[in-house]
Amino acid sequence: MANFAMLGKWHVHAPGYAREAISFGGTCKAVWDPDYEVAKAWAADLGCEAIECLDCLLAREDIDSVIVGTPTSMHYEVIMKAAKAKKHIFTEKTLAPTVAECEDIKKAVEEAGVLFEISYPHRTWPPVLYAKQIIESGILGQISIGRFRNAHGGASGNWLPEYWYEKKDACGGAMMDLGCHPMYISAYLFGRPVRISSMYNTLTDKPVDDNAVNTIEFENKAIAIVETSFVTPYSPWAFEIYGTEGFLLATDHKVMITTPETRKYTNDMVPVPENKMPKRLDNQLKNFIDAVDGKAEIYFGLDDAIDLARLLENAYISDEKGITVEIKN
């Protein structure tokens, strides 16, 4: 079974990742955090060791994999060290704030011959998998526009930690965090992006964006509107896909559709039965633990991570400069 270490408790999902990995058969051997006091308290909770020296932890032969939950700004340093130490790597998104850093990480991981997985949980969900099948089937015709939204009230409701808004650590705001999900879904469904225009602001006067929208054109001429927010008290997880022949709406895991076939008997949208949608993929931590044990293939790897970083890097350039950015792949 996988013997893993937790690297960093900064990310709000890090404690959950540790518990999930254990529940799926992994053994947490040690934890590390830049703040050793945080590491000690966390280790006591998990029943493992707290290690003050990251290099010492990575040198241990009884640890084969790591789960990274450090500030985004530390991902490059920590993941590069883990790769060179030949540890399998699971990381929270975003991999790194620039494509150049991601390319360095890819090279290090491939040279080390270790497994790498990035956390893209929404890509495991049946509505997204179904939408991919429907688009590829051509039933909707040529895709024209998609709208993808993921939002909550973490800033306006004051329930996210204050350090979440430190740009030097988070490398951005709502779009760099919550906006990753609709970003990677849009790219998964629509393909290669060619240009992006962004508009971000803050309603809570945080030092990073808490309200953000991107417009992305893809090579196939589809346009995606990607929205996120930390100031929305309620928002369904939702996306809409419009084609020249049909329409698909997903809201809170329920899917409605209209196609030339359905319009033979109704002009209304038709619900898609659950048994007609793909099964949900395994939890990604289970997938990672199983992959380390040689029982599964990684879901989402280095190229997926770079695709998201490319969108985010150019999105923030667009907002900061007030321009539409041509995306170079």
C-alpha atoms as a PDB file:
ATOM      1  CA  MET A   1       0.000   0.000   0.000  1.00  0.00           C
ATOM      2  CA  ALA A   2       1.092   3.588  -0.632  1.00  0.00           C
ATOM      3  CA  ASN A   3       3.092   5.236   2.137  1.00  0.00           C
ATOM      4  CA  PHE A   4       2.564   8.961   1.704  1.00  0.00           C
ATOM      5  CA  ALA A   5       3.489  12.252   3.325  1.00  0.00           C
ATOM      6  CA  MET A   6       1.418  15.419   3.465  1.00  0.00           C
ATOM      7  CA  LEU A   7       3.306  18.501   2.297  1.00  0.00           C
ATOM      8  CA  GLY A   8       1.625  21.637   3.603  1.00  0.00           C
ATOM      9  CA  LYS A   9      -1.651  22.294   5.394  1.00  0.00           C
ATOM     10  CA  TRP A  10      -2.203  25.729   3.817  1.00  0.00           C
ATOM     11  CA  HIS A  11      -4.846  24.588   1.341  1.00  0.00           C
ATOM     12  CA  VAL A  12      -8.339  24.211   2.805  1.00  0.00           C
ATOM     13  CA  HIS A  13      -8.637  20.751   1.226  1.00  0.00           C
ATOM     14  CA  ALA A  14      -5.367  19.411   2.693  1.00  0.00           C
ATOM     15  CA  PRO A  15      -6.871  17.940   5.906  1.00  0.00           C
ATOM     16  CA  GLY A  16      -9.573  16.229   3.859  1.00  0.00           C
ATOM     17  CA  TYR A  17      -7.020  14.852   1.425  1.00  0.00           C
ATOM     18  CA  ALA A  18      -5.095  13.246   4.280  1.00  0.00           C
ATOM     19  CA  ARG A  19      -8.199  11.585   5.687  1.00  0.00           C
ATOM     20  CA  GLU A  20      -9.364  10.407   2.254  1.00  0.00           C
ATOM     21  CA  ALA A  21      -5.998   8.926   1.323  1.00  0.00           C
ATOM     22  CA  ILE A  22      -5.961   6.991   4.589  1.00  0.00           C
ATOM     23  CA  SER A  23      -9.541   5.777   4.030  1.00  0.00           C
ATOM     24  CA  PHE A  24      -8.508   4.435   0.623  1.00  0.00           C
ATOM     25  CA  GLY A  25      -5.716   2.314   2.073  1.00  0.00           C
ATOM     26  CA  GLY A  26      -2.764   4.700   2.125  1.00  0.00           C
ATOM     27  CA  THR A  27      -0.580   5.133   5.198  1.00  0.00           C
ATOM     28  CA  CYS A  28       0.357   8.650   6.245  1.00  0.00           C
ATOM     29  CA  LYS A  29       3.938   8.347   7.453  1.00  0.00           C
ATOM     30  CA  ALA A  30       4.707  12.025   8.077  1.00  0.00           C
ATOM     31  CA  VAL A  31       3.612  15.610   7.580  1.00  0.00           C
ATOM     32  CA  TRP A  32       5.578  18.754   6.785  1.00  0.00           C
ATOM     33  CA  ASP A  33       4.524  22.383   6.801  1.00  0.00           C
ATOM     34  CA  PRO A  34       6.576  25.604   6.587  1.00  0.00           C
ATOM     35  CA  ASP A  35       5.227  26.290  10.085  1.00  0.00           C
ATOM     36  CA  TYR A  36       6.542  23.465  12.234  1.00  0.00           C
ATOM     37  CA  GLU A  37       3.971  24.124  14.965  1.00  0.00           C
ATOM     38  CA  VAL A  38       1.215  23.531  12.407  1.00  0.00           C
ATOM     39  CA  ALA A  39       2.936  20.320  11.335  1.00  0.00           C
ATOM     40  CA  LYS A  40       3.197  19.041  14.906  1.00  0.00           C
ATOM     41  CA  ALA A  41      -0.484  19.629  15.641  1.00  0.00           C
ATOM     42  CA  TRP A  42      -1.489  18.032  12.356  1.00  0.00           C
ATOM     43  CA  ALA A  43       0.754  15.017  12.939  1.00  0.00           C
ATOM     44  CA  ALA A  44      -0.797  14.481  16.356  1.00  0.00           C
ATOM     45  CA  ASP A  45      -4.243  14.490  14.763  1.00  0.00           C
ATOM     46  CA  LEU A  46      -3.197  11.994  12.070  1.00  0.00           C
ATOM     47  CA  GLY A  47      -1.093   9.810  14.352  1.00  0.00           C
ATOM     48  CA  CYS A  48       2.138  10.208  12.394  1.00  0.00           C
ATOM     49  CA  GLU A  49       5.435  12.110  12.537  1.00  0.00           C
ATOM     50  CA  ALA A  50       5.964  15.809  12.016  1.00  0.00           C
ATOM     51  CA  ILE A  51       9.145  16.525  10.065  1.00  0.00           C
ATOM     52  CA  GLU A  52      10.671  20.003  10.224  1.00  0.00           C
ATOM     53  CA  CYS A  53      13.097  19.526   7.325  1.00  0.00           C
ATOM     54  CA  LEU A  54      11.476  18.996   3.909  1.00  0.00           C
ATOM     55  CA  ASP A  55      14.657  17.586   2.367  1.00  0.00           C
ATOM     56  CA  CYS A  56      14.947  15.095   5.234  1.00  0.00           C
ATOM     57  CA  LEU A  57      11.386  13.938   4.715  1.00  0.00           C
ATOM     58  CA  LEU A  58      11.879  13.492   0.974  1.00  0.00           C
ATOM     59  CA  ALA A  59      15.055  11.476   1.593  1.00  0.00           C
ATOM     60  CA  ARG A  60      13.161   8.837   3.566  1.00  0.00           C
ATOM     61  CA  GLU A  61      12.896   5.492   1.803  1.00  0.00           C
ATOM     62  CA  ASP A  62       9.713   4.508   3.670  1.00  0.00           C
ATOM     63  CA  ILE A  63       7.775   7.297   1.897  1.00  0.00           C
ATOM     64  CA  ASP A  64       6.891   6.662  -1.742  1.00  0.00           C
ATOM     65  CA  SER A  65       4.434   9.471  -2.457  1.00  0.00           C
ATOM     66  CA  VAL A  66       3.416  12.972  -1.413  1.00  0.00           C
ATOM     67  CA  ILE A  67       0.211  15.006  -1.398  1.00  0.00           C
ATOM     68  CA  VAL A  68       0.870  18.718  -1.883  1.00  0.00           C
ATOM     69  CA  GLY A  69      -1.260  21.323  -0.094  1.00  0.00           C
ATOM     70  CA  THR A  70       1.198  24.210   0.227  1.00  0.00           C
ATOM     71  CA  PRO A  71       0.496  27.759  -0.950  1.00  0.00           C
ATOM     72  CA  THR A  72       0.350  27.846  -4.744  1.00  0.00           C
ATOM     73  CA  SER A  73       3.472  30.008  -4.757  1.00  0.00           C
ATOM     74  CA  MET A  74       5.407  27.117  -3.172  1.00  0.00           C
ATOM     75  CA  HIS A  75       4.238  24.389  -5.564  1.00  0.00           C
ATOM     76  CA  TYR A  76       7.185  24.798  -7.906  1.00  0.00           C
ATOM     77  CA  GLU A  77       9.859  24.442  -5.213  1.00  0.00           C
ATOM     78  CA  VAL A  78       8.137  21.623  -3.325  1.00  0.00           C
ATOM     79  CA  ILE A  79       7.081  19.568  -6.350  1.00  0.00           C
ATOM     80  CA  MET A  80      10.455  19.914  -8.055  1.00  0.00           C
ATOM     81  CA  LYS A  81      12.124  18.581  -4.892  1.00  0.00           C
ATOM     82  CA  ALA A  82       9.604  15.736  -4.606  1.00  0.00           C
ATOM     83  CA  ALA A  83      10.164  14.731  -8.235  1.00  0.00           C
ATOM     84  CA  LYS A  84      13.942  14.753  -7.866  1.00  0.00           C
ATOM     85  CA  ALA A  85      13.534  12.617  -4.742  1.00  0.00           C
ATOM     86  CA  LYS A  86      11.518  10.176  -6.903  1.00  0.00           C
ATOM     87  CA  LYS A  87       8.273  10.505  -4.956  1.00  0.00           C
ATOM     88  CA  HIS A  88       4.920  10.067  -6.666  1.00  0.00           C
ATOM     89  CA  ILE A  89       3.002  13.357  -6.571  1.00  0.00           C
ATOM     90  CA  PHE A  90      -0.614  14.344  -6.049  1.00  0.00           C
ATOM     91  CA  THR A  91      -1.182  18.087  -6.015  1.00  0.00           C
ATOM     92  CA  GLU A  92      -3.943  20.570  -5.490  1.00  0.00           C
ATOM     93  CA  LYS A  93      -4.539  22.864  -8.462  1.00  0.00           C
ATOM     94  CA  THR A  94      -3.149  25.110  -9.846  1.00  0.00           C
ATOM     95  CA  LEU A  95       0.158  23.370 -10.557  1.00  0.00           C
ATOM     96  CA  ALA A  96       2.046  26.679 -10.872  1.00  0.00           C
ATOM     97  CA  PRO A  97       1.159  30.247 -11.897  1.00  0.00           C
ATOM     98  CA  THR A  98       3.182  30.148 -15.145  1.00  0.00           C
ATOM     99  CA  VAL A  99       3.483  27.689 -18.000  1.00  0.00           C
ATOM    100  CA  ALA A 100       7.278  27.946 -17.837  1.00  0.00           C
ATOM    101  CA  GLU A 101       7.280  26.646 -14.260  1.00  0.00           C
ATOM    102  CA  CYS A 102       4.866  23.864 -15.210  1.00  0.00           C
ATOM    103  CA  GLU A 103       7.118  22.816 -18.093  1.00  0.00           C
ATOM    104  CA  ASP A 104      10.059  22.573 -15.672  1.00  0.00           C
ATOM    105  CA  ILE A 105       7.974  20.407 -13.377  1.00  0.00           C
ATOM    106  CA  LYS A 106       6.920  18.187 -16.273  1.00  0.00           C
ATOM    107  CA  LYS A 107      10.533  17.644 -17.262  1.00  0.00           C
ATOM    108  CA  ALA A 108      11.549  16.807 -13.683  1.00  0.00           C
ATOM    109  CA  VAL A 109       8.646  14.389 -13.189  1.00  0.00           C
ATOM    110  CA  GLU A 110       9.280  12.609 -16.477  1.00  0.00           C
ATOM    111  CA  GLU A 111      13.009  12.334 -15.833  1.00  0.00           C
ATOM    112  CA  ALA A 112      12.303  10.863 -12.388  1.00  0.00           C
ATOM    113  CA  GLY A 113       9.783   8.389 -13.801  1.00  0.00           C
ATOM    114  CA  VAL A 114       7.253   9.065 -11.047  1.00  0.00           C
ATOM    115  CA  LEU A 115       3.478   9.316 -11.148  1.00  0.00           C
ATOM    116  CA  PHE A 116       1.809  12.709 -11.146  1.00  0.00           C
ATOM    117  CA  GLU A 117      -1.845  13.609 -10.653  1.00  0.00           C
ATOM    118  CA  ILE A 118      -3.566  16.981 -10.297  1.00  0.00           C
ATOM    119  CA  SER A 119      -6.865  17.436  -8.496  1.00  0.00           C
ATOM    120  CA  TYR A 120      -9.622  18.055 -11.063  1.00  0.00           C
ATOM    121  CA  PRO A 121     -12.620  16.576  -9.230  1.00  0.00           C
ATOM    122  CA  HIS A 122     -15.290  18.098 -11.478  1.00  0.00           C
ATOM    123  CA  ARG A 123     -13.947  16.139 -14.423  1.00  0.00           C
ATOM    124  CA  THR A 124     -14.937  12.936 -12.642  1.00  0.00           C
ATOM    125  CA  TRP A 125     -18.613  13.946 -12.494  1.00  0.00           C
ATOM    126  CA  PRO A 126     -21.245  12.298 -14.753  1.00  0.00           C
ATOM    127  CA  PRO A 127     -22.716  15.528 -16.270  1.00  0.00           C
ATOM    128  CA  VAL A 128     -19.266  16.577 -17.526  1.00  0.00           C
ATOM    129  CA  LEU A 129     -18.502  13.121 -18.910  1.00  0.00           C
ATOM    130  CA  TYR A 130     -21.931  13.035 -20.553  1.00  0.00           C
ATOM    131  CA  ALA A 131     -21.464  16.489 -22.088  1.00  0.00           C
ATOM    132  CA  LYS A 132     -18.162  15.335 -23.604  1.00  0.00           C
ATOM    133  CA  GLN A 133     -19.888  12.334 -25.191  1.00  0.00           C
ATOM    134  CA  ILE A 134     -22.750  14.449 -26.529  1.00  0.00           C
ATOM    135  CA  ILE A 135     -20.442  17.075 -28.032  1.00  0.00           C
ATOM    136  CA  GLU A 136     -18.287  14.423 -29.703  1.00  0.00           C
ATOM    137  CA  SER A 137     -21.394  12.668 -31.077  1.00  0.00           C
ATOM    138  CA  GLY A 138     -22.300  15.795 -33.063  1.00  0.00           C
ATOM    139  CA  ILE A 139     -25.930  15.742 -31.874  1.00  0.00           C
ATOM    140  CA  LEU A 140     -25.742  19.390 -30.798  1.00  0.00           C
ATOM    141  CA  GLY A 141     -24.282  20.460 -34.152  1.00  0.00           C
ATOM    142  CA  GLN A 142     -21.410  22.940 -34.166  1.00  0.00           C
ATOM    143  CA  ILE A 143     -20.837  24.258 -30.676  1.00  0.00           C
ATOM    144  CA  SER A 144     -21.256  28.023 -30.522  1.00  0.00           C
ATOM    145  CA  ILE A 145     -21.245  29.095 -26.882  1.00  0.00           C
ATOM    146  CA  GLY A 146     -20.833  27.568 -23.448  1.00  0.00           C
ATOM    147  CA  ARG A 147     -21.332  29.165 -20.061  1.00  0.00           C
ATOM    148  CA  PHE A 148     -19.585  27.636 -17.057  1.00  0.00           C
ATOM    149  CA  ARG A 149     -20.107  28.922 -13.514  1.00  0.00           C
ATOM    150  CA  ASN A 150     -18.799  27.938 -10.085  1.00  0.00           C
ATOM    151  CA  ALA A 151     -19.217  30.336  -7.170  1.00  0.00           C
ATOM    152  CA  HIS A 152     -19.717  30.652  -3.419  1.00  0.00           C
ATOM    153  CA  GLY A 153     -19.775  33.320  -0.727  1.00  0.00           C
ATOM    154  CA  GLY A 154     -16.436  32.611   0.954  1.00  0.00           C
ATOM    155  CA  ALA A 155     -15.350  36.280   0.970  1.00  0.00           C
ATOM    156  CA  SER A 156     -18.699  37.991   1.498  1.00  0.00           C
ATOM    157  CA  GLY A 157     -19.598  35.407   4.158  1.00  0.00           C
ATOM    158  CA  ASN A 158     -16.156  35.631   5.827  1.00  0.00           C
ATOM    159  CA  TRP A 159     -15.703  31.884   6.091  1.00  0.00           C
ATOM    160  CA  LEU A 160     -12.523  31.516   4.041  1.00  0.00           C
ATOM    161  CA  PRO A 161      -9.284  32.030   6.003  1.00  0.00           C
ATOM    162  CA  GLU A 162      -7.757  35.508   5.675  1.00  0.00           C
ATOM    163  CA  TYR A 163      -4.519  34.072   4.287  1.00  0.00           C
ATOM    164  CA  TRP A 164      -6.546  32.911   1.257  1.00  0.00           C
ATOM    165  CA  TYR A 165      -6.386  36.469  -0.064  1.00  0.00           C
ATOM    166  CA  GLU A 166      -2.607  36.892   0.136  1.00  0.00           C
ATOM    167  CA  LYS A 167      -1.578  37.241  -3.499  1.00  0.00           C
ATOM    168  CA  LYS A 168       2.055  36.342  -2.785  1.00  0.00           C
ATOM    169  CA  ASP A 169       0.860  32.931  -1.573  1.00  0.00           C
ATOM    170  CA  ALA A 170      -2.318  32.253  -3.561  1.00  0.00           C
ATOM    171  CA  CYS A 171      -1.006  33.818  -6.826  1.00  0.00           C
ATOM    172  CA  GLY A 172      -4.499  35.146  -7.508  1.00  0.00           C
ATOM    173  CA  GLY A 173      -8.013  35.199  -6.160  1.00  0.00           C
ATOM    174  CA  ALA A 174     -11.330  33.566  -6.987  1.00  0.00           C
ATOM    175  CA  MET A 175     -10.318  32.680 -10.538  1.00  0.00           C
ATOM    176  CA  MET A 176      -7.022  31.119  -9.453  1.00  0.00           C
ATOM    177  CA  ASP A 177      -8.885  29.000  -6.914  1.00  0.00           C
ATOM    178  CA  LEU A 178     -12.560  28.284  -7.497  1.00  0.00           C
ATOM    179  CA  GLY A 179     -12.457  29.388 -11.131  1.00  0.00           C
ATOM    180  CA  CYS A 180     -10.075  26.543 -11.971  1.00  0.00           C
ATOM    181  CA  HIS A 181     -13.024  24.154 -12.110  1.00  0.00           C
ATOM    182  CA  PRO A 182     -15.055  25.851 -14.860  1.00  0.00           C
ATOM    183  CA  MET A 183     -11.771  26.695 -16.606  1.00  0.00           C
ATOM    184  CA  TYR A 184     -10.618  23.098 -16.932  1.00  0.00           C
ATOM    185  CA  ILE A 185     -14.126  21.887 -17.779  1.00  0.00           C
ATOM    186  CA  SER A 186     -14.414  24.378 -20.648  1.00  0.00           C
ATOM    187  CA  ALA A 187     -11.042  23.296 -22.047  1.00  0.00           C
ATOM    188  CA  TYR A 188     -11.890  19.603 -21.677  1.00  0.00           C
ATOM    189  CA  LEU A 189     -15.149  20.063 -23.590  1.00  0.00           C
ATOM    190  CA  PHE A 190     -14.133  22.651 -26.201  1.00  0.00           C
ATOM    191  CA  GLY A 191     -10.474  21.895 -26.960  1.00  0.00           C
ATOM    192  CA  ARG A 192      -7.572  24.231 -27.682  1.00  0.00           C
ATOM    193  CA  PRO A 193      -8.042  27.885 -26.631  1.00  0.00           C
ATOM    194  CA  VAL A 194      -6.762  30.594 -28.983  1.00  0.00           C
ATOM    195  CA  ARG A 195      -7.589  33.864 -27.205  1.00  0.00           C
ATOM    196  CA  ILE A 196      -8.948  35.117 -23.900  1.00  0.00           C
ATOM    197  CA  SER A 197     -10.389  38.308 -22.462  1.00  0.00           C
ATOM    198  CA  SER A 198     -10.869  38.734 -18.715  1.00  0.00           C
ATOM    199  CA  MET A 199     -12.478  41.163 -16.289  1.00  0.00           C
ATOM    200  CA  TYR A 200     -11.867  40.781 -12.562  1.00  0.00           C
ATOM    201  CA  ASN A 201     -12.697  42.990  -9.589  1.00  0.00           C
ATOM    202  CA  THR A 202     -13.274  42.858  -5.838  1.00  0.00           C
ATOM    203  CA  LEU A 203     -16.519  43.653  -4.042  1.00  0.00           C
ATOM    204  CA  THR A 204     -15.040  43.019  -0.574  1.00  0.00           C
ATOM    205  CA  ASP A 205     -11.880  45.101  -1.079  1.00  0.00           C
ATOM    206  CA  LYS A 206      -9.697  42.021  -0.759  1.00  0.00           C
ATOM    207  CA  PRO A 207      -6.242  42.309  -2.371  1.00  0.00           C
ATOM    208  CA  VAL A 208      -7.215  39.664  -4.939  1.00  0.00           C
ATOM    209  CA  ASP A 209     -10.198  39.158  -7.234  1.00  0.00           C
ATOM    210  CA  ASP A 210     -13.406  37.923  -5.642  1.00  0.00           C
ATOM    211  CA  ASN A 211     -15.618  38.401  -8.737  1.00  0.00           C
ATOM    212  CA  ALA A 212     -14.347  37.296 -12.146  1.00  0.00           C
ATOM    213  CA  VAL A 213     -15.378  36.514 -15.724  1.00  0.00           C
ATOM    214  CA  ASN A 214     -13.421  35.237 -18.736  1.00  0.00           C
ATOM    215  CA  THR A 215     -14.445  34.996 -22.365  1.00  0.00           C
ATOM    216  CA  ILE A 216     -12.440  32.354 -24.231  1.00  0.00           C
ATOM    217  CA  GLU A 217     -12.420  31.541 -27.941  1.00  0.00           C
ATOM    218  CA  PHE A 218     -11.379  28.041 -28.940  1.00  0.00           C
ATOM    219  CA  GLU A 219      -9.845  26.737 -32.139  1.00  0.00           C
ATOM    220  CA  ASN A 220     -13.180  25.206 -33.186  1.00  0.00           C
ATOM    221  CA  LYS A 221     -14.760  28.716 -32.900  1.00  0.00           C
ATOM    222  CA  ALA A 222     -16.714  27.829 -29.768  1.00  0.00           C
ATOM    223  CA  ILE A 223     -16.765  30.622 -27.189  1.00  0.00           C
ATOM    224  CA  ALA A 224     -16.802  29.903 -23.455  1.00  0.00           C
ATOM    225  CA  ILE A 225     -17.915  32.281 -20.725  1.00  0.00           C
ATOM    226  CA  VAL A 226     -16.218  31.210 -17.508  1.00  0.00           C
ATOM    227  CA  GLU A 227     -17.490  32.772 -14.285  1.00  0.00           C
ATOM    228  CA  THR A 228     -16.546  32.523 -10.629  1.00  0.00           C
ATOM    229  CA  SER A 229     -17.052  34.422  -7.412  1.00  0.00           C
ATOM    230  CA  PHE A 230     -16.314  34.498  -3.680  1.00  0.00           C
ATOM    231  CA  VAL A 231     -19.285  36.866  -3.113  1.00  0.00           C
ATOM    232  CA  THR A 232     -22.265  34.737  -4.156  1.00  0.00           C
ATOM    233  CA  PRO A 233     -24.310  33.371  -1.229  1.00  0.00           C
ATOM    234  CA  TYR A 234     -25.920  30.767  -3.485  1.00  0.00           C
ATOM    235  CA  SER A 235     -25.025  29.576  -6.951  1.00  0.00           C
ATOM    236  CA  PRO A 236     -25.779  26.211  -8.500  1.00  0.00           C
ATOM    237  CA  TRP A 237     -22.867  24.330 -10.020  1.00  0.00           C
ATOM    238  CA  ALA A 238     -23.908  24.803 -13.619  1.00  0.00           C
ATOM    239  CA  PHE A 239     -22.953  24.885 -17.261  1.00  0.00           C
ATOM    240  CA  GLU A 240     -24.826  25.493 -20.519  1.00  0.00           C
ATOM    241  CA  ILE A 241     -23.743  24.360 -23.973  1.00  0.00           C
ATOM    242  CA  TYR A 242     -25.341  25.773 -27.103  1.00  0.00           C
ATOM    243  CA  GLY A 243     -24.923  24.219 -30.543  1.00  0.00           C
ATOM    244  CA  THR A 244     -26.427  24.880 -33.941  1.00  0.00           C
ATOM    245  CA  GLU A 245     -28.684  21.821 -33.499  1.00  0.00           C
ATOM    246  CA  GLY A 246     -29.284  21.569 -29.771  1.00  0.00           C
ATOM    247  CA  PHE A 247     -28.726  22.670 -26.194  1.00  0.00           C
ATOM    248  CA  LEU A 248     -27.535  21.036 -22.967  1.00  0.00           C
ATOM    249  CA  LEU A 249     -28.037  22.388 -19.447  1.00  0.00           C
ATOM    250  CA  ALA A 250     -26.413  20.906 -16.338  1.00  0.00           C
ATOM    251  CA  THR A 251     -27.392  22.256 -12.923  1.00  0.00           C
ATOM    252  CA  ASP A 252     -26.426  20.606  -9.649  1.00  0.00           C
ATOM    253  CA  HIS A 253     -25.742  17.290 -11.394  1.00  0.00           C
ATOM    254  CA  LYS A 254     -29.050  17.140 -13.247  1.00  0.00           C
ATOM    255  CA  VAL A 255     -28.943  17.368 -17.031  1.00  0.00           C
ATOM    256  CA  MET A 256     -31.551  18.626 -19.504  1.00  0.00           C
ATOM    257  CA  ILE A 257     -31.164  18.485 -23.268  1.00  0.00           C
ATOM    258  CA  THR A 258     -32.879  19.378 -26.525  1.00  0.00           C
ATOM    259  CA  THR A 259     -31.853  17.846 -29.856  1.00  0.00           C
ATOM    260  CA  PRO A 260     -33.439  17.313 -33.289  1.00  0.00           C
ATOM    261  CA  GLU A 261     -34.635  13.931 -32.002  1.00  0.00           C
ATOM    262  CA  THR A 262     -36.320  15.277 -28.854  1.00  0.00           C
ATOM    263  CA  ARG A 263     -37.973  18.089 -30.812  1.00  0.00           C
ATOM    264  CA  LYS A 264     -39.912  15.492 -32.796  1.00  0.00           C
ATOM    265  CA  TYR A 265     -42.171  15.099 -29.750  1.00  0.00           C
ATOM    266  CA  THR A 266     -41.633  18.203 -27.565  1.00  0.00           C
ATOM    267  CA  ASN A 267     -40.266  21.719 -27.766  1.00  0.00           C
ATOM    268  CA  ASP A 268     -39.284  21.601 -24.101  1.00  0.00           C
ATOM    269  CA  MET A 269     -35.986  20.444 -22.671  1.00  0.00           C
ATOM    270  CA  VAL A 270     -35.918  16.757 -21.791  1.00  0.00           C
ATOM    271  CA  PRO A 271     -34.308  15.415 -18.586  1.00  0.00           C
ATOM    272  CA  VAL A 272     -31.522  12.903 -19.091  1.00  0.00           C
ATOM    273  CA  PRO A 273     -32.093   9.850 -16.851  1.00  0.00           C
ATOM    274  CA  GLU A 274     -29.224   8.971 -14.515  1.00  0.00           C
ATOM    275  CA  ASN A 275     -28.939   5.538 -16.079  1.00  0.00           C
ATOM    276  CA  LYS A 276     -28.201   7.175 -19.442  1.00  0.00           C
ATOM    277  CA  MET A 277     -25.198   9.092 -18.084  1.00  0.00           C
ATOM    278  CA  PRO A 278     -21.683   7.725 -17.531  1.00  0.00           C
ATOM    279  CA  LYS A 279     -20.797   6.468 -14.081  1.00  0.00           C
ATOM    280  CA  ARG A 280     -18.901   8.825 -11.820  1.00  0.00           C
ATOM    281  CA  LEU A 281     -15.180   8.132 -11.792  1.00  0.00           C
ATOM    282  CA  ASP A 282     -13.528   7.031  -8.571  1.00  0.00           C
ATOM    283  CA  ASN A 283     -12.460   9.664  -6.057  1.00  0.00           C
ATOM    284  CA  GLN A 284      -9.139  11.076  -7.252  1.00  0.00           C
ATOM    285  CA  LEU A 285      -7.293  10.213  -4.053  1.00  0.00           C
ATOM    286  CA  LYS A 286      -8.448   6.629  -4.473  1.00  0.00           C
ATOM    287  CA  ASN A 287      -7.276   6.766  -8.079  1.00  0.00           C
ATOM    288  CA  PHE A 288      -3.868   8.087  -6.976  1.00  0.00           C
ATOM    289  CA  ILE A 289      -3.414   5.547  -4.158  1.00  0.00           C
ATOM    290  CA  ASP A 290      -4.453   2.739  -6.504  1.00  0.00           C
ATOM    291  CA  ALA A 291      -2.061   4.020  -9.186  1.00  0.00           C
ATOM    292  CA  VAL A 292       0.850   4.065  -6.726  1.00  0.00           C
ATOM    293  CA  ASP A 293      -0.061   0.475  -5.884  1.00  0.00           C
ATOM    294  CA  GLY A 294      -0.102  -0.422  -9.595  1.00  0.00           C
ATOM    295  CA  LYS A 295      -3.862  -0.978  -9.700  1.00  0.00           C
ATOM    296  CA  ALA A 296      -4.993   1.996 -11.802  1.00  0.00           C
ATOM    297  CA  GLU A 297      -3.997   4.568 -14.388  1.00  0.00           C
ATOM    298  CA  ILE A 298      -3.771   8.252 -13.403  1.00  0.00           C
ATOM    299  CA  TYR A 299      -6.804  10.288 -14.471  1.00  0.00           C
ATOM    300  CA  PHE A 300      -5.392  13.780 -14.965  1.00  0.00           C
ATOM    301  CA  GLY A 301      -1.681  14.347 -15.477  1.00  0.00           C
ATOM    302  CA  LEU A 302       0.952  16.855 -16.483  1.00  0.00           C
ATOM    303  CA  ASP A 303      -0.529  17.972 -19.792  1.00  0.00           C
ATOM    304  CA  ASP A 304      -3.899  18.586 -18.143  1.00  0.00           C
ATOM    305  CA  ALA A 305      -2.126  20.661 -15.493  1.00  0.00           C
ATOM    306  CA  ILE A 306      -0.294  22.713 -18.121  1.00  0.00           C
ATOM    307  CA  ASP A 307      -3.500  23.340 -20.079  1.00  0.00           C
ATOM    308  CA  LEU A 308      -5.094  24.949 -17.012  1.00  0.00           C
ATOM    309  CA  ALA A 309      -1.990  26.971 -16.152  1.00  0.00           C
ATOM    310  CA  ARG A 310      -1.889  28.307 -19.715  1.00  0.00           C
ATOM    311  CA  LEU A 311      -5.465  29.565 -19.430  1.00  0.00           C
ATOM    312  CA  LEU A 312      -4.943  31.104 -15.991  1.00  0.00           C
ATOM    313  CA  GLU A 313      -1.644  32.790 -16.784  1.00  0.00           C
ATOM    314  CA  ASN A 314      -3.120  34.446 -19.862  1.00  0.00           C
ATOM    315  CA  ALA A 315      -6.374  35.260 -18.072  1.00  0.00           C
ATOM    316  CA  TYR A 316      -4.576  37.282 -15.407  1.00  0.00           C
ATOM    317  CA  ILE A 317      -2.449  39.019 -18.053  1.00  0.00           C
ATOM    318  CA  SER A 318      -5.652  39.962 -19.866  1.00  0.00           C
ATOM    319  CA  ASP A 319      -7.244  41.449 -16.762  1.00  0.00           C
ATOM    320  CA  GLU A 320      -4.132  43.300 -15.587  1.00  0.00           C
ATOM    321  CA  LYS A 321      -3.453  44.842 -19.003  1.00  0.00           C
ATOM    322  CA  GLY A 322      -7.059  45.245 -20.096  1.00  0.00           C
ATOM    323  CA  ILE A 323      -6.434  43.442 -23.379  1.00  0.00           C
ATOM    324  CA  THR A 324      -7.479  40.342 -25.280  1.00  0.00           C
ATOM    325  CA  VAL A 325      -4.574  37.896 -25.185  1.00  0.00           C
ATOM    326  CA  GLU A 326      -3.651  35.534 -28.008  1.00  0.00           C
ATOM    327  CA  ILE A 327      -2.860  32.167 -26.457  1.00  0.00           C
ATOM    328  CA  LYS A 328       0.280  30.462 -27.682  1.00  0.00           C
ATOM    329  CA  ASN A 329       0.350  26.690 -27.242  1.00  0.00           C
END
